[in-house]
Amino acid sequence: MDKSPESVTEIIRTKEDIGIALNDLPDREKEIIRMRFGLGGIDVVSLDAIGRIFNISRERVRQLELKAFKKLKDILAKYSFITPQEAKNLKLDSRSGKDRRTKETILSPLTDKRFNTDRRTQWI
């Protein structure tokens, strides 16, 4: 029997057909999740860089990401990625709280400007 997923982020990283569930999210939340996890063939993008793309703060991006995780719990159960019982016990985020700073250069799709950013990675 397969091990039950522990968090929404674990499901996002392991399910190839997660795009079906993401389509139920509002457009901005869907794009934030796609950028944060590098879905659809794009590179992983930092909170700061996403904030510049959408002209919002890094903190607002983090809040929208968390809001999307909460919505995804129900959506994942709706599409049978998880059972309703698993949805109740599912953590929102399993990424480690350890901060490792790395440099990245990103290209904003809205302005075609290159940004050098400090990216805080929180992956296990």
N, C-alpha and C. Protein backbone atom coordinates (compact mmCIF):
# COMPACT_ATOMS: atom_id res chain seq x y z
N MET A 1 0.83 -1.18 0.00
CA MET A 1 0.00 0.00 0.00
C MET A 1 0.88 1.25 0.00
N ASP A 2 0.51 2.26 -0.80
CA ASP A 2 1.28 3.49 -0.88
C ASP A 2 1.20 4.27 0.42
N LYS A 3 2.29 4.94 0.74
CA LYS A 3 2.34 5.79 1.92
C LYS A 3 1.52 7.05 1.64
N SER A 4 0.73 7.47 2.62
CA SER A 4 -0.07 8.68 2.47
C SER A 4 0.84 9.90 2.43
N PRO A 5 0.54 10.87 1.59
CA PRO A 5 1.36 12.08 1.56
C PRO A 5 1.21 12.83 2.87
N GLU A 6 2.27 13.54 3.26
CA GLU A 6 2.25 14.28 4.52
C GLU A 6 1.87 15.75 4.34
N SER A 7 2.05 16.29 3.13
CA SER A 7 1.79 17.72 2.94
C SER A 7 1.37 18.02 1.51
N VAL A 8 0.78 19.18 1.34
CA VAL A 8 0.39 19.65 0.01
C VAL A 8 1.62 19.79 -0.87
N THR A 9 2.71 20.33 -0.31
CA THR A 9 3.92 20.52 -1.11
C THR A 9 4.49 19.19 -1.60
N GLU A 10 4.38 18.15 -0.81
CA GLU A 10 4.83 16.82 -1.23
C GLU A 10 4.02 16.34 -2.43
N ILE A 11 2.74 16.56 -2.41
CA ILE A 11 1.88 16.15 -3.53
C ILE A 11 2.23 16.93 -4.78
N ILE A 12 2.43 18.23 -4.64
CA ILE A 12 2.78 19.07 -5.79
C ILE A 12 4.07 18.57 -6.43
N ARG A 13 5.05 18.22 -5.61
CA ARG A 13 6.34 17.76 -6.14
C ARG A 13 6.29 16.38 -6.76
N THR A 14 5.35 15.53 -6.33
CA THR A 14 5.37 14.14 -6.78
C THR A 14 4.32 13.77 -7.82
N LYS A 15 3.30 14.56 -8.00
CA LYS A 15 2.22 14.21 -8.93
C LYS A 15 2.44 14.89 -10.28
N GLU A 16 2.55 14.09 -11.32
CA GLU A 16 2.76 14.63 -12.67
C GLU A 16 1.53 15.34 -13.20
N ASP A 17 0.34 14.89 -12.81
CA ASP A 17 -0.89 15.48 -13.33
C ASP A 17 -1.51 16.48 -12.36
N ILE A 18 -0.68 17.15 -11.57
CA ILE A 18 -1.16 18.13 -10.60
C ILE A 18 -1.81 19.34 -11.29
N GLY A 19 -1.48 19.56 -12.56
CA GLY A 19 -2.05 20.68 -13.31
C GLY A 19 -3.57 20.67 -13.34
N ILE A 20 -4.15 19.48 -13.31
CA ILE A 20 -5.61 19.36 -13.28
C ILE A 20 -6.17 20.05 -12.04
N ALA A 21 -5.56 19.78 -10.90
CA ALA A 21 -6.01 20.40 -9.65
C ALA A 21 -5.70 21.88 -9.62
N LEU A 22 -4.55 22.28 -10.16
CA LEU A 22 -4.18 23.69 -10.15
C LEU A 22 -5.14 24.55 -10.97
N ASN A 23 -5.75 23.96 -11.97
CA ASN A 23 -6.69 24.73 -12.80
C ASN A 23 -7.91 25.20 -12.04
N ASP A 24 -8.18 24.62 -10.88
CA ASP A 24 -9.30 25.07 -10.05
C ASP A 24 -8.95 26.28 -9.19
N LEU A 25 -7.68 26.66 -9.16
CA LEU A 25 -7.26 27.83 -8.39
C LEU A 25 -7.45 29.11 -9.21
N PRO A 26 -7.60 30.26 -8.54
CA PRO A 26 -7.61 31.53 -9.27
C PRO A 26 -6.28 31.69 -10.02
N ASP A 27 -6.30 32.43 -11.12
CA ASP A 27 -5.13 32.53 -11.99
C ASP A 27 -3.86 32.96 -11.26
N ARG A 28 -3.93 33.99 -10.43
CA ARG A 28 -2.73 34.48 -9.77
C ARG A 28 -2.15 33.42 -8.82
N GLU A 29 -3.00 32.76 -8.06
CA GLU A 29 -2.53 31.71 -7.15
C GLU A 29 -1.94 30.54 -7.92
N LYS A 30 -2.58 30.19 -9.02
CA LYS A 30 -2.09 29.09 -9.87
C LYS A 30 -0.69 29.43 -10.40
N GLU A 31 -0.50 30.65 -10.87
CA GLU A 31 0.81 31.05 -11.42
C GLU A 31 1.87 31.09 -10.33
N ILE A 32 1.51 31.53 -9.14
CA ILE A 32 2.47 31.56 -8.03
C ILE A 32 2.93 30.14 -7.72
N ILE A 33 2.01 29.20 -7.63
CA ILE A 33 2.39 27.81 -7.34
C ILE A 33 3.25 27.25 -8.47
N ARG A 34 2.87 27.51 -9.71
CA ARG A 34 3.68 27.02 -10.85
C ARG A 34 5.10 27.57 -10.79
N MET A 35 5.24 28.87 -10.49
CA MET A 35 6.57 29.47 -10.44
C MET A 35 7.37 28.97 -9.24
N ARG A 36 6.73 28.85 -8.08
CA ARG A 36 7.44 28.43 -6.87
C ARG A 36 7.94 26.99 -6.97
N PHE A 37 7.23 26.13 -7.71
CA PHE A 37 7.62 24.72 -7.82
C PHE A 37 8.20 24.37 -9.19
N GLY A 38 8.33 25.35 -10.07
CA GLY A 38 8.92 25.09 -11.38
C GLY A 38 8.09 24.15 -12.22
N LEU A 39 6.78 24.27 -12.16
CA LEU A 39 5.89 23.39 -12.93
C LEU A 39 5.72 23.91 -14.35
N GLY A 40 5.45 23.03 -15.27
CA GLY A 40 5.21 23.42 -16.66
C GLY A 40 6.47 23.83 -17.40
N GLY A 41 7.61 23.29 -16.99
CA GLY A 41 8.85 23.55 -17.70
C GLY A 41 9.52 24.87 -17.38
N ILE A 42 9.08 25.56 -16.34
CA ILE A 42 9.73 26.82 -15.96
C ILE A 42 10.65 26.57 -14.77
N ASP A 43 11.63 27.46 -14.58
CA ASP A 43 12.53 27.35 -13.44
C ASP A 43 11.82 27.79 -12.17
N VAL A 44 12.29 27.29 -11.04
CA VAL A 44 11.78 27.71 -9.74
C VAL A 44 12.10 29.19 -9.56
N VAL A 45 11.12 29.96 -9.08
CA VAL A 45 11.27 31.40 -8.93
C VAL A 45 11.10 31.76 -7.45
N SER A 46 11.91 32.69 -6.96
CA SER A 46 11.88 33.09 -5.56
C SER A 46 10.65 33.96 -5.25
N LEU A 47 10.35 34.07 -3.96
CA LEU A 47 9.25 34.95 -3.51
C LEU A 47 9.50 36.39 -3.95
N ASP A 48 10.74 36.86 -3.79
CA ASP A 48 11.06 38.23 -4.18
C ASP A 48 10.82 38.48 -5.66
N ALA A 49 11.27 37.55 -6.48
CA ALA A 49 11.13 37.71 -7.93
C ALA A 49 9.66 37.66 -8.35
N ILE A 50 8.88 36.77 -7.74
CA ILE A 50 7.45 36.70 -8.05
C ILE A 50 6.77 37.99 -7.64
N GLY A 51 7.18 38.53 -6.49
CA GLY A 51 6.63 39.80 -6.03
C GLY A 51 6.87 40.91 -7.04
N ARG A 52 8.06 40.96 -7.62
CA ARG A 52 8.34 41.99 -8.64
C ARG A 52 7.50 41.75 -9.91
N ILE A 53 7.32 40.50 -10.28
CA ILE A 53 6.53 40.19 -11.48
C ILE A 53 5.08 40.65 -11.31
N PHE A 54 4.50 40.38 -10.13
CA PHE A 54 3.09 40.74 -9.88
C PHE A 54 2.93 42.10 -9.21
N ASN A 55 4.05 42.78 -8.95
CA ASN A 55 4.04 44.09 -8.31
C ASN A 55 3.38 44.03 -6.92
N ILE A 56 3.77 43.01 -6.15
CA ILE A 56 3.31 42.85 -4.78
C ILE A 56 4.52 42.51 -3.91
N SER A 57 4.36 42.56 -2.61
CA SER A 57 5.48 42.28 -1.71
C SER A 57 5.77 40.79 -1.63
N ARG A 58 6.98 40.50 -1.20
CA ARG A 58 7.38 39.10 -0.97
C ARG A 58 6.43 38.44 0.04
N GLU A 59 6.06 39.18 1.08
CA GLU A 59 5.15 38.65 2.10
C GLU A 59 3.78 38.34 1.51
N ARG A 60 3.28 39.19 0.62
CA ARG A 60 1.98 38.93 -0.01
C ARG A 60 2.05 37.68 -0.88
N VAL A 61 3.16 37.47 -1.56
CA VAL A 61 3.34 36.24 -2.36
C VAL A 61 3.28 35.03 -1.44
N ARG A 62 3.97 35.10 -0.29
CA ARG A 62 3.95 34.00 0.66
C ARG A 62 2.54 33.73 1.17
N GLN A 63 1.79 34.82 1.44
CA GLN A 63 0.40 34.66 1.90
C GLN A 63 -0.47 34.01 0.83
N LEU A 64 -0.31 34.43 -0.41
CA LEU A 64 -1.10 33.84 -1.50
C LEU A 64 -0.73 32.38 -1.73
N GLU A 65 0.55 32.05 -1.57
CA GLU A 65 1.00 30.66 -1.69
C GLU A 65 0.33 29.82 -0.62
N LEU A 66 0.31 30.30 0.61
CA LEU A 66 -0.33 29.58 1.72
C LEU A 66 -1.83 29.43 1.49
N LYS A 67 -2.47 30.48 1.00
CA LYS A 67 -3.90 30.45 0.68
C LYS A 67 -4.18 29.38 -0.38
N ALA A 68 -3.32 29.31 -1.39
CA ALA A 68 -3.48 28.30 -2.45
C ALA A 68 -3.31 26.89 -1.89
N PHE A 69 -2.34 26.70 -0.96
CA PHE A 69 -2.16 25.39 -0.34
C PHE A 69 -3.43 24.96 0.38
N LYS A 70 -4.06 25.89 1.09
CA LYS A 70 -5.30 25.56 1.82
C LYS A 70 -6.40 25.14 0.85
N LYS A 71 -6.54 25.86 -0.25
CA LYS A 71 -7.55 25.51 -1.25
C LYS A 71 -7.23 24.17 -1.90
N LEU A 72 -5.95 23.92 -2.12
CA LEU A 72 -5.54 22.68 -2.79
C LEU A 72 -5.88 21.44 -1.97
N LYS A 73 -5.93 21.56 -0.65
CA LYS A 73 -6.30 20.40 0.17
C LYS A 73 -7.65 19.84 -0.27
N ASP A 74 -8.64 20.71 -0.43
CA ASP A 74 -9.97 20.27 -0.86
C ASP A 74 -9.98 19.84 -2.32
N ILE A 75 -9.27 20.57 -3.14
CA ILE A 75 -9.22 20.25 -4.57
C ILE A 75 -8.57 18.88 -4.80
N LEU A 76 -7.50 18.60 -4.05
CA LEU A 76 -6.82 17.31 -4.19
C LEU A 76 -7.74 16.15 -3.82
N ALA A 77 -8.56 16.36 -2.79
CA ALA A 77 -9.53 15.32 -2.41
C ALA A 77 -10.61 15.19 -3.50
N LYS A 78 -11.03 16.32 -4.05
CA LYS A 78 -12.05 16.32 -5.10
C LYS A 78 -11.61 15.47 -6.30
N TYR A 79 -10.34 15.57 -6.68
CA TYR A 79 -9.82 14.82 -7.83
C TYR A 79 -9.20 13.48 -7.43
N SER A 80 -9.42 13.04 -6.21
CA SER A 80 -8.97 11.74 -5.70
C SER A 80 -7.46 11.57 -5.69
N PHE A 81 -6.71 12.66 -5.57
CA PHE A 81 -5.27 12.54 -5.33
C PHE A 81 -5.06 12.03 -3.91
N ILE A 82 -5.98 12.42 -3.02
CA ILE A 82 -5.95 11.99 -1.63
C ILE A 82 -7.39 11.73 -1.18
N THR A 83 -7.53 11.00 -0.08
CA THR A 83 -8.87 10.76 0.47
C THR A 83 -9.29 11.97 1.32
N PRO A 84 -10.59 12.13 1.56
CA PRO A 84 -11.02 13.23 2.43
C PRO A 84 -10.39 13.15 3.83
N GLN A 85 -10.18 11.95 4.34
CA GLN A 85 -9.52 11.80 5.65
C GLN A 85 -8.08 12.29 5.59
N GLU A 86 -7.38 11.94 4.51
CA GLU A 86 -6.00 12.42 4.35
C GLU A 86 -5.98 13.94 4.26
N ALA A 87 -6.97 14.52 3.60
CA ALA A 87 -7.03 15.98 3.47
C ALA A 87 -7.12 16.65 4.84
N LYS A 88 -7.86 16.05 5.76
CA LYS A 88 -7.98 16.62 7.11
C LYS A 88 -6.65 16.62 7.84
N ASN A 89 -5.84 15.59 7.62
CA ASN A 89 -4.57 15.44 8.35
C ASN A 89 -3.37 16.02 7.60
N LEU A 90 -3.58 16.51 6.41
CA LEU A 90 -2.50 16.98 5.55
C LEU A 90 -1.93 18.30 6.04
N LYS A 91 -0.60 18.35 6.21
CA LYS A 91 0.06 19.62 6.52
C LYS A 91 0.07 20.45 5.24
N LEU A 92 0.17 21.74 5.38
CA LEU A 92 0.21 22.59 4.19
C LEU A 92 1.57 22.56 3.52
N ASP A 93 2.64 22.58 4.30
CA ASP A 93 3.97 22.74 3.73
C ASP A 93 4.96 21.87 4.49
N SER A 94 5.70 21.04 3.78
CA SER A 94 6.70 20.19 4.44
C SER A 94 8.12 20.67 4.17
N ARG A 95 8.25 21.83 3.51
CA ARG A 95 9.59 22.34 3.24
C ARG A 95 10.24 22.75 4.54
N SER A 96 11.52 22.53 4.64
CA SER A 96 12.28 22.83 5.85
C SER A 96 12.33 24.33 6.10
N GLY A 97 12.42 24.72 7.34
CA GLY A 97 12.52 26.13 7.70
C GLY A 97 13.93 26.67 7.61
N LYS A 98 14.89 25.83 7.24
CA LYS A 98 16.28 26.27 7.14
C LYS A 98 16.44 27.17 5.93
N ASP A 99 17.08 28.30 6.14
CA ASP A 99 17.33 29.24 5.04
C ASP A 99 18.75 29.05 4.52
N ARG A 100 18.85 28.83 3.23
CA ARG A 100 20.14 28.82 2.56
C ARG A 100 20.05 29.87 1.47
N ARG A 101 20.96 30.83 1.50
CA ARG A 101 20.89 31.89 0.51
C ARG A 101 21.67 31.49 -0.74
N THR A 102 21.06 31.72 -1.89
CA THR A 102 21.73 31.47 -3.16
C THR A 102 21.44 32.65 -4.07
N LYS A 103 22.30 32.85 -5.06
CA LYS A 103 22.09 33.91 -6.04
C LYS A 103 21.38 33.32 -7.25
N GLU A 104 20.47 34.08 -7.84
CA GLU A 104 19.83 33.63 -9.07
C GLU A 104 19.56 34.85 -9.93
N THR A 105 19.55 34.65 -11.21
CA THR A 105 19.15 35.68 -12.14
C THR A 105 17.86 35.21 -12.78
N ILE A 106 16.84 36.05 -12.76
CA ILE A 106 15.57 35.66 -13.36
C ILE A 106 15.21 36.67 -14.43
N LEU A 107 14.41 36.26 -15.37
CA LEU A 107 13.92 37.12 -16.42
C LEU A 107 12.44 37.32 -16.20
N SER A 108 12.05 38.55 -15.99
CA SER A 108 10.64 38.84 -15.75
C SER A 108 9.88 38.73 -17.06
N PRO A 109 8.83 37.90 -17.13
CA PRO A 109 8.06 37.78 -18.36
C PRO A 109 7.26 39.03 -18.68
N LEU A 110 7.07 39.90 -17.70
CA LEU A 110 6.29 41.11 -17.93
C LEU A 110 7.13 42.27 -18.44
N THR A 111 8.42 42.31 -18.04
CA THR A 111 9.23 43.47 -18.40
C THR A 111 10.46 43.13 -19.23
N ASP A 112 10.79 41.86 -19.37
CA ASP A 112 12.01 41.42 -20.04
C ASP A 112 13.27 42.00 -19.41
N LYS A 113 13.21 42.38 -18.14
CA LYS A 113 14.38 42.85 -17.42
C LYS A 113 14.97 41.69 -16.64
N ARG A 114 16.27 41.68 -16.52
CA ARG A 114 16.93 40.66 -15.71
C ARG A 114 17.14 41.21 -14.31
N PHE A 115 16.86 40.38 -13.32
CA PHE A 115 17.05 40.76 -11.93
C PHE A 115 18.01 39.79 -11.28
N ASN A 116 18.97 40.33 -10.52
CA ASN A 116 19.78 39.48 -9.65
C ASN A 116 19.12 39.51 -8.29
N THR A 117 18.81 38.34 -7.76
CA THR A 117 18.10 38.29 -6.49
C THR A 117 18.79 37.34 -5.54
N ASP A 118 18.63 37.61 -4.27
CA ASP A 118 19.00 36.63 -3.26
C ASP A 118 17.78 35.77 -3.06
N ARG A 119 17.93 34.48 -3.21
CA ARG A 119 16.79 33.58 -3.07
C ARG A 119 16.98 32.74 -1.83
N ARG A 120 15.98 32.73 -0.99
CA ARG A 120 15.99 31.87 0.19
C ARG A 120 15.31 30.57 -0.19
N THR A 121 16.07 29.50 -0.17
CA THR A 121 15.47 28.20 -0.51
C THR A 121 15.06 27.50 0.77
N GLN A 122 13.96 26.82 0.72
CA GLN A 122 13.46 26.13 1.89
C GLN A 122 13.13 24.67 1.55
N TRP A 123 13.91 24.07 0.72
CA TRP A 123 13.63 22.69 0.31
C TRP A 123 14.30 21.74 1.26
N ILE A 124 13.74 20.59 1.38
CA ILE A 124 14.30 19.55 2.26
C ILE A 124 15.59 19.04 1.68
